[in-house]
Structure formats: C-alpha cells, structure tokens
Amino acid sequence: MDVEEMAKKATMKELKEIAKKHDIKLGRCPTKLKIAQLIPEEELEELVSKK
C-alpha cells in the first residue's frame, strides 16, 4: 500500500497527532497527503493497520 492510499484511510486528527509527537512543522494549510509524506512511514502503516 502506498502513502497516498494510507493517507486516505487515516483521519486528519490522527495524522496531526503523529506529526506533533515528532515536532514536525506542518505549515499553513497541510493536506492529509502532505502530512503522511512527512511522518515516518512505519507509524503511518501502524495507524492504518489498526483500523
């Protein structure tokens, strides 16, 4: 599964929480895909697999 598909399955709130945990600055208007590309891929996969 690629990053784009995983971003669609995750919620914006969950993605922002992971980014905040890693001190990633999101900018002014982040999209789910942009956040998904910035956070570690292992955590993104773990988040999507929980659902």
Protein backbone atom coordinates (compact mmCIF):
# COMPACT_ATOMS: atom_id res chain seq x y z
CA MET A 1 0.00 0.00 0.00
CA ASP A 2 1.46 3.38 -0.93
CA VAL A 3 1.46 6.58 1.11
CA GLU A 4 -1.47 8.09 -0.79
CA GLU A 5 -3.76 5.15 -0.03
CA MET A 6 -2.74 5.13 3.63
CA ALA A 7 -3.37 8.88 3.90
CA LYS A 8 -6.92 8.39 2.63
CA LYS A 9 -7.63 5.77 5.31
CA ALA A 10 -6.23 7.82 8.22
CA THR A 11 -8.01 10.80 9.76
CA MET A 12 -6.57 14.29 9.79
CA LYS A 13 -6.63 14.35 13.59
CA GLU A 14 -4.57 11.15 13.86
CA LEU A 15 -2.04 12.39 11.31
CA LYS A 16 -1.64 15.72 13.12
CA GLU A 17 -1.09 13.94 16.45
CA ILE A 18 1.74 11.85 14.98
CA ALA A 19 3.30 14.95 13.39
CA LYS A 20 3.09 16.83 16.68
CA LYS A 21 4.74 13.93 18.50
CA HIS A 22 7.72 14.19 16.11
CA ASP A 23 7.83 18.02 16.24
CA ILE A 24 7.10 18.33 12.51
CA LYS A 25 6.03 21.81 11.42
CA LEU A 26 3.01 21.45 9.14
CA GLY A 27 2.81 24.91 7.62
CA ARG A 28 -0.28 26.92 6.92
CA CYS A 29 -2.72 24.56 5.14
CA PRO A 30 -1.49 20.97 5.31
CA THR A 31 -3.33 18.23 3.48
CA LYS A 32 -3.61 14.64 4.66
CA LEU A 33 -1.23 13.52 1.91
CA LYS A 34 1.37 16.17 2.77
CA ILE A 35 1.34 15.18 6.46
CA ALA A 36 1.51 11.48 5.53
CA GLN A 37 4.63 12.16 3.45
CA LEU A 38 6.34 13.95 6.35
CA ILE A 39 5.72 11.46 9.16
CA PRO A 40 7.66 8.18 9.47
CA GLU A 41 6.22 5.51 7.18
CA GLU A 42 6.29 2.82 9.90
CA GLU A 43 3.94 4.86 12.11
CA LEU A 44 1.63 5.55 9.19
CA GLU A 45 1.41 1.83 8.40
CA GLU A 46 0.75 1.05 12.06
CA LEU A 47 -2.03 3.65 12.19
CA VAL A 48 -3.76 2.30 9.10
CA SER A 49 -3.42 -1.33 10.16
CA LYS A 50 -5.27 -0.63 13.42
CA LYS A 51 -8.46 0.20 11.50
